[in-house]
Amino acid sequence: IFVNDMLVTFSFSSGNTAGEQSADIP
């Protein structure tokens, strides 16, 4: 997830991550 071309959060895991998630942006 990028905001203004700055990487905010990422996940490269291939696990079962289903459903709504949230990420804090400082």
PDB file of all heavy atoms in Angstrom:
ATOM      1  N   ILE A   1       0.851  -1.176   0.000  1.00  0.00           N
ATOM      2  CA  ILE A   1       0.000   0.000   0.000  1.00  0.00           C
ATOM      3  C   ILE A   1       0.889   1.229   0.000  1.00  0.00           C
ATOM      4  O   ILE A   1       1.738   1.389   0.876  1.00  0.00           O
ATOM      5  CB  ILE A   1      -0.950   0.009   1.210  1.00  0.00           C
ATOM      6  CG1 ILE A   1      -1.888  -1.192   1.133  1.00  0.00           C
ATOM      7  CG2 ILE A   1      -1.738   1.305   1.258  1.00  0.00           C
ATOM      8  CD1 ILE A   1      -2.793  -1.350   2.311  1.00  0.00           C
ATOM      9  N   PHE A   2       0.707   2.090  -1.007  1.00  0.00           N
ATOM     10  CA  PHE A   2       1.476   3.317  -1.160  1.00  0.00           C
ATOM     11  C   PHE A   2       0.552   4.508  -0.972  1.00  0.00           C
ATOM     12  O   PHE A   2      -0.579   4.509  -1.448  1.00  0.00           O
ATOM     13  CB  PHE A   2       2.106   3.395  -2.561  1.00  0.00           C
ATOM     14  CG  PHE A   2       3.209   2.424  -2.789  1.00  0.00           C
ATOM     15  CD1 PHE A   2       2.957   1.144  -3.245  1.00  0.00           C
ATOM     16  CD2 PHE A   2       4.514   2.792  -2.560  1.00  0.00           C
ATOM     17  CE1 PHE A   2       3.974   0.244  -3.468  1.00  0.00           C
ATOM     18  CE2 PHE A   2       5.549   1.905  -2.778  1.00  0.00           C
ATOM     19  CZ  PHE A   2       5.279   0.631  -3.230  1.00  0.00           C
ATOM     20  N   VAL A   3       1.047   5.544  -0.301  1.00  0.00           N
ATOM     21  CA  VAL A   3       0.357   6.825  -0.199  1.00  0.00           C
ATOM     22  C   VAL A   3       1.352   7.882  -0.645  1.00  0.00           C
ATOM     23  O   VAL A   3       2.428   8.019  -0.057  1.00  0.00           O
ATOM     24  CB  VAL A   3      -0.128   7.097   1.237  1.00  0.00           C
ATOM     25  CG1 VAL A   3      -0.711   8.486   1.354  1.00  0.00           C
ATOM     26  CG2 VAL A   3      -1.147   6.055   1.665  1.00  0.00           C
ATOM     27  N   ASN A   4       1.013   8.628  -1.687  1.00  0.00           N
ATOM     28  CA  ASN A   4       1.904   9.634  -2.274  1.00  0.00           C
ATOM     29  C   ASN A   4       3.269   9.033  -2.626  1.00  0.00           C
ATOM     30  O   ASN A   4       4.320   9.597  -2.320  1.00  0.00           O
ATOM     31  CB  ASN A   4       2.078  10.830  -1.350  1.00  0.00           C
ATOM     32  CG  ASN A   4       0.807  11.616  -1.190  1.00  0.00           C
ATOM     33  OD1 ASN A   4      -0.042  11.581  -2.061  1.00  0.00           O
ATOM     34  ND2 ASN A   4       0.669  12.309  -0.092  1.00  0.00           N
ATOM     35  N   ASP A   5       3.251   7.888  -3.235  1.00  0.00           N
ATOM     36  CA  ASP A   5       4.457   7.166  -3.658  1.00  0.00           C
ATOM     37  C   ASP A   5       5.367   6.789  -2.504  1.00  0.00           C
ATOM     38  O   ASP A   5       6.561   6.569  -2.687  1.00  0.00           O
ATOM     39  CB  ASP A   5       5.253   7.969  -4.692  1.00  0.00           C
ATOM     40  CG  ASP A   5       4.510   8.071  -6.009  1.00  0.00           C
ATOM     41  OD1 ASP A   5       3.717   7.168  -6.293  1.00  0.00           O
ATOM     42  OD2 ASP A   5       4.750   9.036  -6.745  1.00  0.00           O
ATOM     43  N   MET A   6       4.833   6.711  -1.303  1.00  0.00           N
ATOM     44  CA  MET A   6       5.592   6.270  -0.124  1.00  0.00           C
ATOM     45  C   MET A   6       4.963   4.982   0.377  1.00  0.00           C
ATOM     46  O   MET A   6       3.745   4.911   0.568  1.00  0.00           O
ATOM     47  CB  MET A   6       5.544   7.355   0.950  1.00  0.00           C
ATOM     48  CG  MET A   6       6.216   7.007   2.220  1.00  0.00           C
ATOM     49  SD  MET A   6       7.989   7.066   1.983  1.00  0.00           S
ATOM     50  CE  MET A   6       8.537   6.735   3.626  1.00  0.00           C
ATOM     51  N   LEU A   7       5.780   3.974   0.565  1.00  0.00           N
ATOM     52  CA  LEU A   7       5.288   2.682   1.022  1.00  0.00           C
ATOM     53  C   LEU A   7       4.775   2.811   2.452  1.00  0.00           C
ATOM     54  O   LEU A   7       5.505   3.250   3.346  1.00  0.00           O
ATOM     55  CB  LEU A   7       6.397   1.638   0.948  1.00  0.00           C
ATOM     56  CG  LEU A   7       6.021   0.227   1.378  1.00  0.00           C
ATOM     57  CD1 LEU A   7       4.991  -0.363   0.430  1.00  0.00           C
ATOM     58  CD2 LEU A   7       7.257  -0.650   1.428  1.00  0.00           C
ATOM     59  N   VAL A   8       3.518   2.465   2.671  1.00  0.00           N
ATOM     60  CA  VAL A   8       2.914   2.565   3.995  1.00  0.00           C
ATOM     61  C   VAL A   8       2.979   1.230   4.708  1.00  0.00           C
ATOM     62  O   VAL A   8       3.437   1.137   5.837  1.00  0.00           O
ATOM     63  CB  VAL A   8       1.452   3.052   3.891  1.00  0.00           C
ATOM     64  CG1 VAL A   8       0.783   3.032   5.246  1.00  0.00           C
ATOM     65  CG2 VAL A   8       1.411   4.427   3.293  1.00  0.00           C
ATOM     66  N   THR A   9       2.535   0.198   4.056  1.00  0.00           N
ATOM     67  CA  THR A   9       2.579  -1.137   4.645  1.00  0.00           C
ATOM     68  C   THR A   9       2.642  -2.164   3.524  1.00  0.00           C
ATOM     69  O   THR A   9       2.267  -1.884   2.385  1.00  0.00           O
ATOM     70  CB  THR A   9       1.372  -1.410   5.557  1.00  0.00           C
ATOM     71  OG1 THR A   9       1.534  -2.677   6.188  1.00  0.00           O
ATOM     72  CG2 THR A   9       0.081  -1.404   4.786  1.00  0.00           C
ATOM     73  N   PHE A  10       3.143  -3.340   3.854  1.00  0.00           N
ATOM     74  CA  PHE A  10       3.222  -4.401   2.866  1.00  0.00           C
ATOM     75  C   PHE A  10       3.198  -5.737   3.575  1.00  0.00           C
ATOM     76  O   PHE A  10       3.462  -5.831   4.779  1.00  0.00           O
ATOM     77  CB  PHE A  10       4.482  -4.288   2.004  1.00  0.00           C
ATOM     78  CG  PHE A  10       5.768  -4.420   2.774  1.00  0.00           C
ATOM     79  CD1 PHE A  10       6.383  -5.649   2.921  1.00  0.00           C
ATOM     80  CD2 PHE A  10       6.350  -3.314   3.354  1.00  0.00           C
ATOM     81  CE1 PHE A  10       7.560  -5.768   3.636  1.00  0.00           C
ATOM     82  CE2 PHE A  10       7.523  -3.415   4.064  1.00  0.00           C
ATOM     83  CZ  PHE A  10       8.128  -4.646   4.203  1.00  0.00           C
ATOM     84  N   SER A  11       2.857  -6.760   2.830  1.00  0.00           N
ATOM     85  CA  SER A  11       2.888  -8.130   3.334  1.00  0.00           C
ATOM     86  C   SER A  11       3.160  -9.048   2.155  1.00  0.00           C
ATOM     87  O   SER A  11       2.448  -9.001   1.152  1.00  0.00           O
ATOM     88  CB  SER A  11       1.564  -8.507   3.990  1.00  0.00           C
ATOM     89  OG  SER A  11       1.577  -9.884   4.330  1.00  0.00           O
ATOM     90  N   PHE A  12       4.185  -9.849   2.284  1.00  0.00           N
ATOM     91  CA  PHE A  12       4.529 -10.793   1.227  1.00  0.00           C
ATOM     92  C   PHE A  12       4.219 -12.231   1.637  1.00  0.00           C
ATOM     93  O   PHE A  12       4.661 -13.162   1.001  1.00  0.00           O
ATOM     94  CB  PHE A  12       5.996 -10.664   0.847  1.00  0.00           C
ATOM     95  CG  PHE A  12       6.323  -9.329   0.246  1.00  0.00           C
ATOM     96  CD1 PHE A  12       7.187  -8.468   0.880  1.00  0.00           C
ATOM     97  CD2 PHE A  12       5.757  -8.941  -0.940  1.00  0.00           C
ATOM     98  CE1 PHE A  12       7.488  -7.239   0.339  1.00  0.00           C
ATOM     99  CE2 PHE A  12       6.037  -7.705  -1.496  1.00  0.00           C
ATOM    100  CZ  PHE A  12       6.912  -6.860  -0.851  1.00  0.00           C
ATOM    101  N   SER A  13       3.473 -12.381   2.725  1.00  0.00           N
ATOM    102  CA  SER A  13       3.134 -13.730   3.171  1.00  0.00           C
ATOM    103  C   SER A  13       2.037 -14.303   2.282  1.00  0.00           C
ATOM    104  O   SER A  13       1.157 -13.594   1.800  1.00  0.00           O
ATOM    105  CB  SER A  13       2.666 -13.714   4.624  1.00  0.00           C
ATOM    106  OG  SER A  13       1.463 -12.986   4.735  1.00  0.00           O
ATOM    107  N   SER A  14       2.095 -15.589   2.065  1.00  0.00           N
ATOM    108  CA  SER A  14       1.092 -16.240   1.220  1.00  0.00           C
ATOM    109  C   SER A  14       0.087 -17.000   2.072  1.00  0.00           C
ATOM    110  O   SER A  14      -0.565 -17.903   1.600  1.00  0.00           O
ATOM    111  CB  SER A  14       1.773 -17.193   0.236  1.00  0.00           C
ATOM    112  OG  SER A  14       2.484 -18.181   0.969  1.00  0.00           O
ATOM    113  N   GLY A  15      -0.025 -16.620   3.332  1.00  0.00           N
ATOM    114  CA  GLY A  15      -0.947 -17.311   4.234  1.00  0.00           C
ATOM    115  C   GLY A  15      -2.385 -16.934   3.958  1.00  0.00           C
ATOM    116  O   GLY A  15      -2.707 -16.184   3.048  1.00  0.00           O
ATOM    117  N   ASN A  16      -3.271 -17.456   4.767  1.00  0.00           N
ATOM    118  CA  ASN A  16      -4.693 -17.193   4.604  1.00  0.00           C
ATOM    119  C   ASN A  16      -5.054 -15.917   5.356  1.00  0.00           C
ATOM    120  O   ASN A  16      -5.507 -15.947   6.486  1.00  0.00           O
ATOM    121  CB  ASN A  16      -5.522 -18.370   5.115  1.00  0.00           C
ATOM    122  CG  ASN A  16      -5.313 -19.606   4.271  1.00  0.00           C
ATOM    123  OD1 ASN A  16      -5.030 -19.492   3.090  1.00  0.00           O
ATOM    124  ND2 ASN A  16      -5.431 -20.774   4.870  1.00  0.00           N
ATOM    125  N   THR A  17      -4.833 -14.778   4.732  1.00  0.00           N
ATOM    126  CA  THR A  17      -5.192 -13.496   5.320  1.00  0.00           C
ATOM    127  C   THR A  17      -6.467 -13.028   4.644  1.00  0.00           C
ATOM    128  O   THR A  17      -6.434 -12.371   3.617  1.00  0.00           O
ATOM    129  CB  THR A  17      -4.075 -12.462   5.104  1.00  0.00           C
ATOM    130  OG1 THR A  17      -3.830 -12.369   3.716  1.00  0.00           O
ATOM    131  CG2 THR A  17      -2.813 -12.858   5.836  1.00  0.00           C
ATOM    132  N   ALA A  18      -7.592 -13.397   5.211  1.00  0.00           N
ATOM    133  CA  ALA A  18      -8.868 -13.060   4.601  1.00  0.00           C
ATOM    134  C   ALA A  18      -9.604 -12.062   5.481  1.00  0.00           C
ATOM    135  O   ALA A  18      -9.389 -11.971   6.679  1.00  0.00           O
ATOM    136  CB  ALA A  18      -9.714 -14.319   4.417  1.00  0.00           C
ATOM    137  N   GLY A  19     -10.465 -11.312   4.854  1.00  0.00           N
ATOM    138  CA  GLY A  19     -11.290 -10.378   5.591  1.00  0.00           C
ATOM    139  C   GLY A  19     -10.714  -8.982   5.601  1.00  0.00           C
ATOM    140  O   GLY A  19      -9.648  -8.708   5.040  1.00  0.00           O
ATOM    141  N   GLU A  20     -11.428  -8.085   6.252  1.00  0.00           N
ATOM    142  CA  GLU A  20     -11.031  -6.696   6.295  1.00  0.00           C
ATOM    143  C   GLU A  20      -9.892  -6.490   7.279  1.00  0.00           C
ATOM    144  O   GLU A  20      -9.905  -7.015   8.381  1.00  0.00           O
ATOM    145  CB  GLU A  20     -12.213  -5.822   6.690  1.00  0.00           C
ATOM    146  CG  GLU A  20     -11.909  -4.341   6.626  1.00  0.00           C
ATOM    147  CD  GLU A  20     -13.154  -3.518   6.877  1.00  0.00           C
ATOM    148  OE1 GLU A  20     -14.081  -3.578   6.066  1.00  0.00           O
ATOM    149  OE2 GLU A  20     -13.144  -2.820   7.899  1.00  0.00           O
ATOM    150  N   GLN A  21      -8.899  -5.734   6.855  1.00  0.00           N
ATOM    151  CA  GLN A  21      -7.751  -5.425   7.693  1.00  0.00           C
ATOM    152  C   GLN A  21      -7.568  -3.923   7.716  1.00  0.00           C
ATOM    153  O   GLN A  21      -8.097  -3.208   6.887  1.00  0.00           O
ATOM    154  CB  GLN A  21      -6.493  -6.089   7.146  1.00  0.00           C
ATOM    155  CG  GLN A  21      -6.566  -7.584   7.084  1.00  0.00           C
ATOM    156  CD  GLN A  21      -5.321  -8.189   6.466  1.00  0.00           C
ATOM    157  OE1 GLN A  21      -4.374  -7.510   6.169  1.00  0.00           O
ATOM    158  NE2 GLN A  21      -5.362  -9.479   6.271  1.00  0.00           N
ATOM    159  N   SER A  22      -6.818  -3.433   8.677  1.00  0.00           N
ATOM    160  CA  SER A  22      -6.539  -2.009   8.732  1.00  0.00           C
ATOM    161  C   SER A  22      -5.054  -1.796   8.977  1.00  0.00           C
ATOM    162  O   SER A  22      -4.390  -2.607   9.608  1.00  0.00           O
ATOM    163  CB  SER A  22      -7.363  -1.335   9.832  1.00  0.00           C
ATOM    164  OG  SER A  22      -6.980  -1.836  11.096  1.00  0.00           O
ATOM    165  N   ALA A  23      -4.547  -0.677   8.461  1.00  0.00           N
ATOM    166  CA  ALA A  23      -3.150  -0.326   8.613  1.00  0.00           C
ATOM    167  C   ALA A  23      -3.085   1.130   9.071  1.00  0.00           C
ATOM    168  O   ALA A  23      -3.767   1.992   8.513  1.00  0.00           O
ATOM    169  CB  ALA A  23      -2.382  -0.510   7.314  1.00  0.00           C
ATOM    170  N   ASP A  24      -2.280   1.401  10.092  1.00  0.00           N
ATOM    171  CA  ASP A  24      -2.109   2.762  10.572  1.00  0.00           C
ATOM    172  C   ASP A  24      -1.127   3.499   9.695  1.00  0.00           C
ATOM    173  O   ASP A  24      -0.074   2.972   9.311  1.00  0.00           O
ATOM    174  CB  ASP A  24      -1.597   2.767  12.011  1.00  0.00           C
ATOM    175  CG  ASP A  24      -2.653   2.239  12.991  1.00  0.00           C
ATOM    176  OD1 ASP A  24      -3.844   2.449  12.722  1.00  0.00           O
ATOM    177  OD2 ASP A  24      -2.267   1.637  14.011  1.00  0.00           O
ATOM    178  N   ILE A  25      -1.454   4.748   9.365  1.00  0.00           N
ATOM    179  CA  ILE A  25      -0.574   5.597   8.575  1.00  0.00           C
ATOM    180  C   ILE A  25      -0.181   6.774   9.451  1.00  0.00           C
ATOM    181  O   ILE A  25      -1.025   7.593   9.810  1.00  0.00           O
ATOM    182  CB  ILE A  25      -1.286   6.117   7.312  1.00  0.00           C
ATOM    183  CG1 ILE A  25      -1.774   4.944   6.476  1.00  0.00           C
ATOM    184  CG2 ILE A  25      -0.347   6.998   6.513  1.00  0.00           C
ATOM    185  CD1 ILE A  25      -2.624   5.374   5.325  1.00  0.00           C
ATOM    186  N   PRO A  26       1.076   6.873   9.837  1.00  0.00           N
ATOM    187  CA  PRO A  26       1.474   8.002  10.684  1.00  0.00           C
ATOM    188  C   PRO A  26       1.490   9.301   9.915  1.00  0.00           C
ATOM    189  O   PRO A  26       1.647   9.328   8.726  1.00  0.00           O
ATOM    190  CB  PRO A  26       2.877   7.630  11.153  1.00  0.00           C
ATOM    191  CG  PRO A  26       3.367   6.601  10.217  1.00  0.00           C
ATOM    192  CD  PRO A  26       2.169   5.960   9.601  1.00  0.00           C
TER     193      PRO A  26
END
